[in-house]
Protein backbone atom coordinates (compact mmCIF):
# COMPACT_ATOMS: atom_id res chain seq x y z
CA MET A 1 61.29 35.79 -285.02
CA LYS A 2 64.35 35.68 -282.77
CA ILE A 3 64.99 39.40 -283.24
CA CYS A 4 61.33 40.22 -282.52
CA THR A 5 61.45 38.14 -279.33
CA GLU A 6 64.63 39.89 -278.16
CA ILE A 7 63.19 43.34 -278.91
CA ASN A 8 59.96 42.36 -277.18
CA SER A 9 61.81 41.59 -273.95
CA GLU A 10 63.85 44.82 -274.07
CA LEU A 11 61.18 47.43 -274.84
CA ALA A 12 58.19 48.78 -272.94
CA GLN A 13 54.82 48.73 -274.72
CA PRO A 14 54.93 52.45 -275.71
CA GLN A 15 58.34 51.85 -277.32
CA LYS A 16 56.98 48.81 -279.18
CA LEU A 17 54.18 51.00 -280.51
CA ILE A 18 56.74 53.44 -281.94
CA VAL A 19 58.66 50.58 -283.59
CA LEU A 20 55.45 49.27 -285.16
CA TYR A 21 54.48 52.73 -286.47
CA GLN A 22 57.95 53.25 -287.91
CA LEU A 23 57.95 49.87 -289.63
CA LEU A 24 54.60 50.63 -291.25
CA GLU A 25 55.76 54.09 -292.29
CA PHE A 26 58.99 52.64 -293.71
CA VAL A 27 57.28 50.05 -295.95
CA ASN A 28 54.83 52.73 -297.07
CA SER A 29 57.47 55.41 -297.68
CA ASP A 30 58.11 54.71 -301.37
CA GLY A 31 54.44 55.19 -302.20
CA GLY A 32 54.29 51.85 -304.01
CA GLU A 33 52.49 48.69 -303.11
CA ILE A 34 53.55 46.94 -299.93
CA SER A 35 54.75 43.42 -300.65
CA GLU A 36 53.22 40.35 -299.06
CA GLN A 37 56.58 39.56 -297.46
CA GLU A 38 56.78 43.03 -295.88
CA MET A 39 53.27 42.70 -294.44
CA GLU A 40 53.99 39.21 -293.13
CA PHE A 41 57.04 40.57 -291.34
CA ILE A 42 55.09 43.43 -289.79
CA ASN A 43 52.24 41.10 -288.83
CA THR A 44 54.80 38.88 -287.07
CA VAL A 45 56.24 41.87 -285.23
CA ALA A 46 52.77 43.00 -284.10
CA GLU A 47 51.92 39.49 -282.92
CA THR A 48 55.23 39.08 -281.09
CA PHE A 49 54.77 42.48 -279.45
CA ASN A 50 51.36 41.28 -278.19
CA PHE A 51 49.25 43.94 -279.88
CA PRO A 52 45.57 42.94 -279.85
CA GLY A 53 44.22 42.35 -283.36
CA GLU A 54 41.81 45.29 -283.29
CA GLU A 55 44.46 47.71 -282.02
CA TYR A 56 46.94 46.55 -284.65
CA ALA A 57 44.31 46.92 -287.39
CA SER A 58 43.59 50.49 -286.26
CA ILE A 59 47.29 51.39 -286.23
CA LYS A 60 47.82 49.82 -289.65
CA ASP A 61 44.80 51.64 -291.14
CA PHE A 62 45.89 54.95 -289.64
CA VAL A 63 49.39 54.71 -291.12
CA LEU A 64 48.58 53.08 -294.46
CA PHE A 65 45.28 54.73 -295.48
CA PRO A 66 45.81 57.40 -298.11
CA PHE A 67 44.65 60.91 -297.19
CA GLU A 68 41.63 60.51 -299.47
CA LYS A 69 40.36 57.76 -297.16
CA LEU A 70 39.83 58.62 -293.53
CA PRO A 71 40.29 55.90 -290.92
CA VAL A 72 37.18 56.00 -288.77
CA GLY A 73 37.25 56.10 -285.01
CA SER A 74 36.50 58.24 -282.02
CA ARG A 75 40.23 58.43 -281.28
CA VAL A 76 41.09 60.11 -284.60
CA LEU A 77 41.63 63.87 -284.80
CA VAL A 78 41.87 65.70 -288.11
CA ILE A 79 43.31 69.21 -288.31
CA ASP A 80 42.81 71.10 -291.57
CA SER A 81 41.40 74.25 -293.16
CA ASN A 82 38.10 72.65 -294.19
CA LYS A 83 35.28 74.60 -292.51
CA GLU A 84 32.75 72.10 -293.87
CA PHE A 85 34.37 69.00 -292.33
CA SER A 86 31.77 66.73 -290.83
CA HIS A 87 32.09 63.18 -289.58
CA PRO A 88 30.03 61.48 -286.86
CA GLU A 89 33.00 59.79 -285.13
CA VAL A 90 36.12 61.77 -286.05
CA LYS A 91 37.15 64.86 -284.08
CA HIS A 92 38.11 67.94 -286.07
CA ILE A 93 40.02 71.17 -285.50
CA TYR A 94 39.74 73.96 -288.04
CA SER A 95 43.01 75.78 -288.79
CA GLU A 96 42.59 78.57 -291.32
CA GLY A 97 46.19 78.83 -292.54
CA LEU A 98 46.94 75.11 -292.77
CA HIS A 99 47.53 73.64 -296.21
CA GLY A 100 46.92 69.90 -296.23
CA GLN A 101 45.81 67.74 -293.35
CA VAL A 102 47.26 66.56 -290.06
CA ARG A 103 45.95 63.37 -288.48
CA VAL A 104 46.45 62.46 -284.87
């Protein structure tokens, strides 16, 4: 908690967002299950950094959802080679030569 408080006072909100993204990506990087202790730590960081609950939930879903599941929201952009992509809320850009999917 002390480290989070010190970081909170040193960083601007955009920098805190990057730290939060990187923490989520780090705990998710081995492809295994994220431990309860890891999530508690990240939840504490998000709370200390003053991220609103809904914003934190959106960030967490965006980073942790597997590619088979699409986080829903009007602020999500998917870029892929799927001509048939259709979703009422998600923006899409078709890219013919792209293999895989990019989410922004």
